[in-house]
Structures are given as C-alpha cells and as structure tokens.
C-alpha cells in the first residue's frame, strides 16, 4: 500500500501527483507515472496565518460609505 511519503512522478515531464493516473495531465504522455519515495526533507511545509483563514462575513471591514461595486452584470452586481 502506498505510504504518505510516496508520490507518482511522470518520467517525461516530472509532474507529481498523489495518485496514479493513466495519462499525465501535464504533458499528455500515457503510462509514464511511476511510484517514487519522497524523503522528509523534500516535503514542503506551508504555514497559514490566522488572518488568511476564512472569516465570517460579519468580521469583514466594509467601506464606510457603503459604496457598491458595479461591473454591469445585474446579478453579479447584486452580489457585490
């Protein structure tokens, strides 16, 4: 069974994915994805700041004049 430190990598273009695919979505080559082991030092860690997380709409700061954005598409303008 595939472990957490394994990925599939295309032999043609080096595209990487967590699951096997018959055709590489990057270069279009067939049957070129092979299972590779990934060392811990090659795993990228992403840190997300608290202010970058999803927030309730009530926490958003709106413009003081409550001016609406308009682009000319009525339904979209209603949302904005």
PDB file of N, CA and C in Angstrom:
ATOM      1  N   UNK A   1       0.839  -1.183   0.000  1.00  0.00           N
ATOM      2  CA  UNK A   1       0.000   0.000   0.000  1.00  0.00           C
ATOM      3  C   UNK A   1       0.883   1.244   0.000  1.00  0.00           C
ATOM      4  N   UNK A   2       0.468   2.263  -0.705  1.00  0.00           N
ATOM      5  CA  UNK A   2       1.224   3.498  -0.845  1.00  0.00           C
ATOM      6  C   UNK A   2       1.219   4.256   0.473  1.00  0.00           C
ATOM      7  N   UNK A   3       2.413   4.670   0.919  1.00  0.00           N
ATOM      8  CA  UNK A   3       2.549   5.413   2.171  1.00  0.00           C
ATOM      9  C   UNK A   3       2.435   6.908   1.951  1.00  0.00           C
ATOM     10  N   UNK A   4       2.477   7.640   3.056  1.00  0.00           N
ATOM     11  CA  UNK A   4       2.334   9.087   2.979  1.00  0.00           C
ATOM     12  C   UNK A   4       3.552   9.746   2.332  1.00  0.00           C
ATOM     13  N   UNK A   5       4.696   9.064   2.329  1.00  0.00           N
ATOM     14  CA  UNK A   5       5.913   9.630   1.762  1.00  0.00           C
ATOM     15  C   UNK A   5       6.167   9.133   0.347  1.00  0.00           C
ATOM     16  N   UNK A   6       5.109   8.815  -0.377  1.00  0.00           N
ATOM     17  CA  UNK A   6       5.252   8.340  -1.739  1.00  0.00           C
ATOM     18  C   UNK A   6       4.375   9.164  -2.673  1.00  0.00           C
ATOM     19  N   UNK A   7       4.879   9.412  -3.865  1.00  0.00           N
ATOM     20  CA  UNK A   7       4.136  10.149  -4.888  1.00  0.00           C
ATOM     21  C   UNK A   7       4.321   9.452  -6.224  1.00  0.00           C
ATOM     22  N   UNK A   8       3.483   9.811  -7.186  1.00  0.00           N
ATOM     23  CA  UNK A   8       3.657   9.351  -8.561  1.00  0.00           C
ATOM     24  C   UNK A   8       4.271  10.498  -9.350  1.00  0.00           C
ATOM     25  N   UNK A   9       5.325  10.182 -10.120  1.00  0.00           N
ATOM     26  CA  UNK A   9       6.032  11.196 -10.891  1.00  0.00           C
ATOM     27  C   UNK A   9       6.112  10.750 -12.350  1.00  0.00           C
ATOM     28  N   UNK A  10       5.825  11.689 -13.255  1.00  0.00           N
ATOM     29  CA  UNK A  10       5.875  11.413 -14.687  1.00  0.00           C
ATOM     30  C   UNK A  10       7.338  11.310 -15.123  1.00  0.00           C
ATOM     31  N   UNK A  11       7.664  10.259 -15.859  1.00  0.00           N
ATOM     32  CA  UNK A  11       9.027  10.077 -16.350  1.00  0.00           C
ATOM     33  C   UNK A  11       9.367  11.065 -17.463  1.00  0.00           C
ATOM     34  N   UNK A  12       8.358  11.619 -18.126  1.00  0.00           N
ATOM     35  CA  UNK A  12       8.593  12.538 -19.232  1.00  0.00           C
ATOM     36  C   UNK A  12       8.808  13.986 -18.775  1.00  0.00           C
ATOM     37  N   UNK A  13       7.947  14.489 -17.888  1.00  0.00           N
ATOM     38  CA  UNK A  13       7.979  15.920 -17.543  1.00  0.00           C
ATOM     39  C   UNK A  13       8.160  16.190 -16.047  1.00  0.00           C
ATOM     40  N   UNK A  14       8.289  15.148 -15.223  1.00  0.00           N
ATOM     41  CA  UNK A  14       8.477  15.255 -13.774  1.00  0.00           C
ATOM     42  C   UNK A  14       7.258  15.795 -13.024  1.00  0.00           C
ATOM     43  N   UNK A  15       6.068  15.788 -13.646  1.00  0.00           N
ATOM     44  CA  UNK A  15       4.829  16.165 -12.967  1.00  0.00           C
ATOM     45  C   UNK A  15       4.606  15.212 -11.799  1.00  0.00           C
ATOM     46  N   UNK A  16       4.142  15.721 -10.667  1.00  0.00           N
ATOM     47  CA  UNK A  16       3.915  14.898  -9.482  1.00  0.00           C
ATOM     48  C   UNK A  16       2.457  14.936  -9.063  1.00  0.00           C
ATOM     49  N   UNK A  17       1.948  13.792  -8.600  1.00  0.00           N
ATOM     50  CA  UNK A  17       0.580  13.678  -8.122  1.00  0.00           C
ATOM     51  C   UNK A  17       0.531  12.639  -7.015  1.00  0.00           C
ATOM     52  N   UNK A  18      -0.498  12.701  -6.195  1.00  0.00           N
ATOM     53  CA  UNK A  18      -0.622  11.756  -5.086  1.00  0.00           C
ATOM     54  C   UNK A  18      -1.285  10.452  -5.496  1.00  0.00           C
ATOM     55  N   UNK A  19      -1.836  10.398  -6.697  1.00  0.00           N
ATOM     56  CA  UNK A  19      -2.493   9.169  -7.152  1.00  0.00           C
ATOM     57  C   UNK A  19      -2.048   8.806  -8.562  1.00  0.00           C
ATOM     58  N   UNK A  20      -2.133   7.527  -8.878  1.00  0.00           N
ATOM     59  CA  UNK A  20      -1.733   7.081 -10.196  1.00  0.00           C
ATOM     60  C   UNK A  20      -2.789   7.504 -11.216  1.00  0.00           C
ATOM     61  N   UNK A  21      -2.326   7.955 -12.375  1.00  0.00           N
ATOM     62  CA  UNK A  21      -3.197   8.319 -13.480  1.00  0.00           C
ATOM     63  C   UNK A  21      -2.676   7.618 -14.726  1.00  0.00           C
ATOM     64  N   UNK A  22      -3.548   7.223 -15.614  1.00  0.00           N
ATOM     65  CA  UNK A  22      -3.116   6.573 -16.845  1.00  0.00           C
ATOM     66  C   UNK A  22      -2.399   7.523 -17.785  1.00  0.00           C
ATOM     67  N   UNK A  23      -2.802   8.784 -17.764  1.00  0.00           N
ATOM     68  CA  UNK A  23      -2.218   9.791 -18.644  1.00  0.00           C
ATOM     69  C   UNK A  23      -1.787  10.992 -17.811  1.00  0.00           C
ATOM     70  N   UNK A  24      -0.601  11.483 -18.073  1.00  0.00           N
ATOM     71  CA  UNK A  24      -0.095  12.640 -17.343  1.00  0.00           C
ATOM     72  C   UNK A  24      -0.892  13.881 -17.755  1.00  0.00           C
ATOM     73  N   UNK A  25      -1.507  14.592 -16.804  1.00  0.00           N
ATOM     74  CA  UNK A  25      -2.288  15.780 -17.160  1.00  0.00           C
ATOM     75  C   UNK A  25      -1.417  16.953 -17.614  1.00  0.00           C
ATOM     76  N   UNK A  26      -0.129  16.898 -17.345  1.00  0.00           N
ATOM     77  CA  UNK A  26       0.768  17.992 -17.712  1.00  0.00           C
ATOM     78  C   UNK A  26       1.274  17.861 -19.153  1.00  0.00           C
ATOM     79  N   UNK A  27       1.824  16.691 -19.510  1.00  0.00           N
ATOM     80  CA  UNK A  27       2.415  16.533 -20.841  1.00  0.00           C
ATOM     81  C   UNK A  27       1.597  15.636 -21.758  1.00  0.00           C
ATOM     82  N   UNK A  28       0.609  14.904 -21.219  1.00  0.00           N
ATOM     83  CA  UNK A  28      -0.258  14.071 -22.034  1.00  0.00           C
ATOM     84  C   UNK A  28       0.300  12.691 -22.352  1.00  0.00           C
ATOM     85  N   UNK A  29       1.467  12.343 -21.811  1.00  0.00           N
ATOM     86  CA  UNK A  29       2.070  11.035 -22.082  1.00  0.00           C
ATOM     87  C   UNK A  29       1.306   9.949 -21.331  1.00  0.00           C
ATOM     88  N   UNK A  30       1.175   8.782 -21.970  1.00  0.00           N
ATOM     89  CA  UNK A  30       0.448   7.658 -21.389  1.00  0.00           C
ATOM     90  C   UNK A  30       1.391   6.750 -20.616  1.00  0.00           C
ATOM     91  N   UNK A  31       0.926   6.234 -19.477  1.00  0.00           N
ATOM     92  CA  UNK A  31       1.613   5.232 -18.658  1.00  0.00           C
ATOM     93  C   UNK A  31       3.032   5.641 -18.281  1.00  0.00           C
ATOM     94  N   UNK A  32       3.243   6.886 -17.922  1.00  0.00           N
ATOM     95  CA  UNK A  32       4.575   7.350 -17.553  1.00  0.00           C
ATOM     96  C   UNK A  32       4.687   7.703 -16.072  1.00  0.00           C
ATOM     97  N   UNK A  33       3.591   7.574 -15.316  1.00  0.00           N
ATOM     98  CA  UNK A  33       3.626   7.895 -13.886  1.00  0.00           C
ATOM     99  C   UNK A  33       4.125   6.690 -13.101  1.00  0.00           C
ATOM    100  N   UNK A  34       5.226   6.884 -12.377  1.00  0.00           N
ATOM    101  CA  UNK A  34       5.797   5.803 -11.586  1.00  0.00           C
ATOM    102  C   UNK A  34       5.856   6.231 -10.121  1.00  0.00           C
ATOM    103  N   UNK A  35       5.772   5.244  -9.241  1.00  0.00           N
ATOM    104  CA  UNK A  35       5.764   5.495  -7.803  1.00  0.00           C
ATOM    105  C   UNK A  35       7.173   5.828  -7.336  1.00  0.00           C
ATOM    106  N   UNK A  36       7.311   6.934  -6.582  1.00  0.00           N
ATOM    107  CA  UNK A  36       8.605   7.373  -6.055  1.00  0.00           C
ATOM    108  C   UNK A  36       8.474   7.606  -4.560  1.00  0.00           C
ATOM    109  N   UNK A  37       9.539   7.360  -3.831  1.00  0.00           N
ATOM    110  CA  UNK A  37       9.595   7.677  -2.408  1.00  0.00           C
ATOM    111  C   UNK A  37      10.080   9.111  -2.250  1.00  0.00           C
ATOM    112  N   UNK A  38       9.511   9.814  -1.288  1.00  0.00           N
ATOM    113  CA  UNK A  38       9.878  11.195  -1.026  1.00  0.00           C
ATOM    114  C   UNK A  38      10.477  11.259   0.373  1.00  0.00           C
ATOM    115  N   UNK A  39      11.647  11.868   0.498  1.00  0.00           N
ATOM    116  CA  UNK A  39      12.256  11.997   1.823  1.00  0.00           C
ATOM    117  C   UNK A  39      11.585  13.136   2.585  1.00  0.00           C
ATOM    118  N   UNK A  40      11.671  13.093   3.885  1.00  0.00           N
ATOM    119  CA  UNK A  40      11.053  14.108   4.740  1.00  0.00           C
ATOM    120  C   UNK A  40      11.588  15.506   4.431  1.00  0.00           C
ATOM    121  N   UNK A  41      12.873  15.618   4.054  1.00  0.00           N
ATOM    122  CA  UNK A  41      13.445  16.934   3.800  1.00  0.00           C
ATOM    123  C   UNK A  41      12.907  17.564   2.523  1.00  0.00           C
ATOM    124  N   UNK A  42      12.298  16.782   1.629  1.00  0.00           N
ATOM    125  CA  UNK A  42      11.749  17.316   0.379  1.00  0.00           C
ATOM    126  C   UNK A  42      10.289  17.731   0.502  1.00  0.00           C
ATOM    127  N   UNK A  43       9.662  17.456   1.637  1.00  0.00           N
ATOM    128  CA  UNK A  43       8.263  17.805   1.833  1.00  0.00           C
ATOM    129  C   UNK A  43       8.177  19.285   2.213  1.00  0.00           C
ATOM    130  N   UNK A  44       7.356  20.030   1.499  1.00  0.00           N
ATOM    131  CA  UNK A  44       7.208  21.465   1.718  1.00  0.00           C
ATOM    132  C   UNK A  44       6.156  21.703   2.799  1.00  0.00           C
ATOM    133  N   UNK A  45       6.495  22.532   3.740  1.00  0.00           N
ATOM    134  CA  UNK A  45       5.572  22.888   4.806  1.00  0.00           C
ATOM    135  C   UNK A  45       5.010  24.280   4.528  1.00  0.00           C
ATOM    136  N   UNK A  46       3.705  24.396   4.551  1.00  0.00           N
ATOM    137  CA  UNK A  46       3.048  25.671   4.306  1.00  0.00           C
ATOM    138  C   UNK A  46       2.439  26.163   5.614  1.00  0.00           C
ATOM    139  N   UNK A  47       2.785  27.379   5.970  1.00  0.00           N
ATOM    140  CA  UNK A  47       2.239  27.965   7.190  1.00  0.00           C
ATOM    141  C   UNK A  47       1.210  29.021   6.806  1.00  0.00           C
ATOM    142  N   UNK A  48       0.038  28.923   7.399  1.00  0.00           N
ATOM    143  CA  UNK A  48      -1.048  29.848   7.105  1.00  0.00           C
ATOM    144  C   UNK A  48      -1.269  30.735   8.329  1.00  0.00           C
ATOM    145  N   UNK A  49      -1.279  32.027   8.092  1.00  0.00           N
ATOM    146  CA  UNK A  49      -1.520  32.970   9.176  1.00  0.00           C
ATOM    147  C   UNK A  49      -3.005  32.990   9.516  1.00  0.00           C
ATOM    148  N   UNK A  50      -3.314  33.309  10.754  1.00  0.00           N
ATOM    149  CA  UNK A  50      -4.705  33.328  11.205  1.00  0.00           C
ATOM    150  C   UNK A  50      -5.553  34.278  10.373  1.00  0.00           C
ATOM    151  N   UNK A  51      -4.990  35.429   9.978  1.00  0.00           N
ATOM    152  CA  UNK A  51      -5.766  36.396   9.201  1.00  0.00           C
ATOM    153  C   UNK A  51      -6.023  35.941   7.768  1.00  0.00           C
ATOM    154  N   UNK A  52      -5.336  34.869   7.310  1.00  0.00           N
ATOM    155  CA  UNK A  52      -5.551  34.355   5.966  1.00  0.00           C
ATOM    156  C   UNK A  52      -6.638  33.280   5.921  1.00  0.00           C
ATOM    157  N   UNK A  53      -7.109  32.832   7.077  1.00  0.00           N
ATOM    158  CA  UNK A  53      -8.153  31.811   7.132  1.00  0.00           C
ATOM    159  C   UNK A  53      -9.510  32.415   6.778  1.00  0.00           C
ATOM    160  N   UNK A  54     -10.449  31.561   6.425  1.00  0.00           N
ATOM    161  CA  UNK A  54     -11.803  32.025   6.128  1.00  0.00           C
ATOM    162  C   UNK A  54     -12.391  32.687   7.369  1.00  0.00           C
ATOM    163  N   UNK A  55     -13.110  33.773   7.149  1.00  0.00           N
ATOM    164  CA  UNK A  55     -13.679  34.529   8.253  1.00  0.00           C
ATOM    165  C   UNK A  55     -15.170  34.737   7.998  1.00  0.00           C
ATOM    166  N   UNK A  56     -15.944  34.879   9.065  1.00  0.00           N
ATOM    167  CA  UNK A  56     -17.361  35.179   8.862  1.00  0.00           C
ATOM    168  C   UNK A  56     -17.512  36.555   8.229  1.00  0.00           C
ATOM    169  N   UNK A  57     -18.555  36.728   7.450  1.00  0.00           N
ATOM    170  CA  UNK A  57     -18.762  37.992   6.742  1.00  0.00           C
ATOM    171  C   UNK A  57     -18.929  39.153   7.716  1.00  0.00           C
ATOM    172  N   UNK A  58     -19.410  38.867   8.911  1.00  0.00           N
ATOM    173  CA  UNK A  58     -19.570  39.931   9.911  1.00  0.00           C
ATOM    174  C   UNK A  58     -18.217  40.481  10.378  1.00  0.00           C
ATOM    175  N   UNK A  59     -17.147  39.741  10.170  1.00  0.00           N
ATOM    176  CA  UNK A  59     -15.818  40.199  10.580  1.00  0.00           C
ATOM    177  C   UNK A  59     -15.132  41.044   9.510  1.00  0.00           C
ATOM    178  N   UNK A  60     -15.712  41.113   8.325  1.00  0.00           N
ATOM    179  CA  UNK A  60     -15.108  41.893   7.246  1.00  0.00           C
ATOM    180  C   UNK A  60     -15.306  43.382   7.478  1.00  0.00           C
ATOM    181  N   UNK A  61     -14.303  44.146   7.118  1.00  0.00           N
ATOM    182  CA  UNK A  61     -14.406  45.598   7.229  1.00  0.00           C
ATOM    183  C   UNK A  61     -14.910  46.145   5.900  1.00  0.00           C
ATOM    184  N   UNK A  62     -16.071  46.756   5.934  1.00  0.00           N
ATOM    185  CA  UNK A  62     -16.660  47.324   4.728  1.00  0.00           C
ATOM    186  C   UNK A  62     -16.297  48.798   4.621  1.00  0.00           C
ATOM    187  N   UNK A  63     -16.407  49.318   3.420  1.00  0.00           N
ATOM    188  CA  UNK A  63     -16.141  50.747   3.226  1.00  0.00           C
ATOM    189  C   UNK A  63     -17.154  51.560   4.012  1.00  0.00           C
ATOM    190  N   UNK A  64     -16.707  52.656   4.543  1.00  0.00           N
ATOM    191  CA  UNK A  64     -17.568  53.490   5.377  1.00  0.00           C
ATOM    192  C   UNK A  64     -18.748  54.067   4.603  1.00  0.00           C
ATOM    193  N   UNK A  65     -18.549  54.366   3.306  1.00  0.00           N
ATOM    194  CA  UNK A  65     -19.623  54.983   2.538  1.00  0.00           C
ATOM    195  C   UNK A  65     -20.574  53.943   1.934  1.00  0.00           C
ATOM    196  N   UNK A  66     -20.335  52.649   2.220  1.00  0.00           N
ATOM    197  CA  UNK A  66     -21.171  51.551   1.732  1.00  0.00           C
ATOM    198  C   UNK A  66     -21.348  51.586   0.213  1.00  0.00           C
ATOM    199  N   UNK A  67     -20.369  52.067  -0.506  1.00  0.00           N
ATOM    200  CA  UNK A  67     -20.425  52.136  -1.953  1.00  0.00           C
ATOM    201  C   UNK A  67     -20.349  50.719  -2.532  1.00  0.00           C
ATOM    202  N   UNK A  68     -21.202  50.449  -3.505  1.00  0.00           N
ATOM    203  CA  UNK A  68     -21.211  49.139  -4.139  1.00  0.00           C
ATOM    204  C   UNK A  68     -20.361  49.152  -5.403  1.00  0.00           C
ATOM    205  N   UNK A  69     -19.740  48.029  -5.654  1.00  0.00           N
ATOM    206  CA  UNK A  69     -19.024  47.856  -6.909  1.00  0.00           C
ATOM    207  C   UNK A  69     -20.021  47.492  -7.996  1.00  0.00           C
ATOM    208  N   UNK A  70     -19.862  48.026  -9.178  1.00  0.00           N
ATOM    209  CA  UNK A  70     -20.740  47.695 -10.296  1.00  0.00           C
ATOM    210  C   UNK A  70     -19.891  47.396 -11.519  1.00  0.00           C
ATOM    211  N   UNK A  71     -20.193  46.239 -12.158  1.00  0.00           N
ATOM    212  CA  UNK A  71     -19.467  45.892 -13.375  1.00  0.00           C
ATOM    213  C   UNK A  71     -20.384  45.803 -14.587  1.00  0.00           C
ATOM    214  N   UNK A  72     -21.685  45.874 -14.378  1.00  0.00           N
ATOM    215  CA  UNK A  72     -22.623  45.874 -15.499  1.00  0.00           C
ATOM    216  C   UNK A  72     -23.417  44.594 -15.671  1.00  0.00           C
ATOM    217  N   UNK A  73     -23.120  43.554 -14.891  1.00  0.00           N
ATOM    218  CA  UNK A  73     -23.909  42.320 -14.912  1.00  0.00           C
ATOM    219  C   UNK A  73     -24.802  42.377 -13.680  1.00  0.00           C
ATOM    220  N   UNK A  74     -26.101  42.492 -13.892  1.00  0.00           N
ATOM    221  CA  UNK A  74     -27.026  42.792 -12.805  1.00  0.00           C
ATOM    222  C   UNK A  74     -26.932  41.813 -11.649  1.00  0.00           C
ATOM    223  N   UNK A  75     -26.988  40.518 -11.923  1.00  0.00           N
ATOM    224  CA  UNK A  75     -26.952  39.523 -10.842  1.00  0.00           C
ATOM    225  C   UNK A  75     -25.627  39.579 -10.085  1.00  0.00           C
ATOM    226  N   UNK A  76     -24.527  39.755 -10.825  1.00  0.00           N
ATOM    227  CA  UNK A  76     -23.223  39.848 -10.184  1.00  0.00           C
ATOM    228  C   UNK A  76     -23.120  41.128  -9.367  1.00  0.00           C
ATOM    229  N   UNK A  77     -23.648  42.231  -9.900  1.00  0.00           N
ATOM    230  CA  UNK A  77     -23.653  43.493  -9.167  1.00  0.00           C
ATOM    231  C   UNK A  77     -24.432  43.370  -7.867  1.00  0.00           C
ATOM    232  N   UNK A  78     -25.519  42.601  -7.869  1.00  0.00           N
ATOM    233  CA  UNK A  78     -26.309  42.404  -6.650  1.00  0.00           C
ATOM    234  C   UNK A  78     -25.482  41.715  -5.568  1.00  0.00           C
ATOM    235  N   UNK A  79     -24.619  40.794  -5.993  1.00  0.00           N
ATOM    236  CA  UNK A  79     -23.770  40.085  -5.036  1.00  0.00           C
ATOM    237  C   UNK A  79     -22.727  41.019  -4.472  1.00  0.00           C
ATOM    238  N   UNK A  80     -22.137  41.824  -5.336  1.00  0.00           N
ATOM    239  CA  UNK A  80     -21.090  42.745  -4.867  1.00  0.00           C
ATOM    240  C   UNK A  80     -21.684  43.895  -4.100  1.00  0.00           C
TER     241      UNK A  80
END
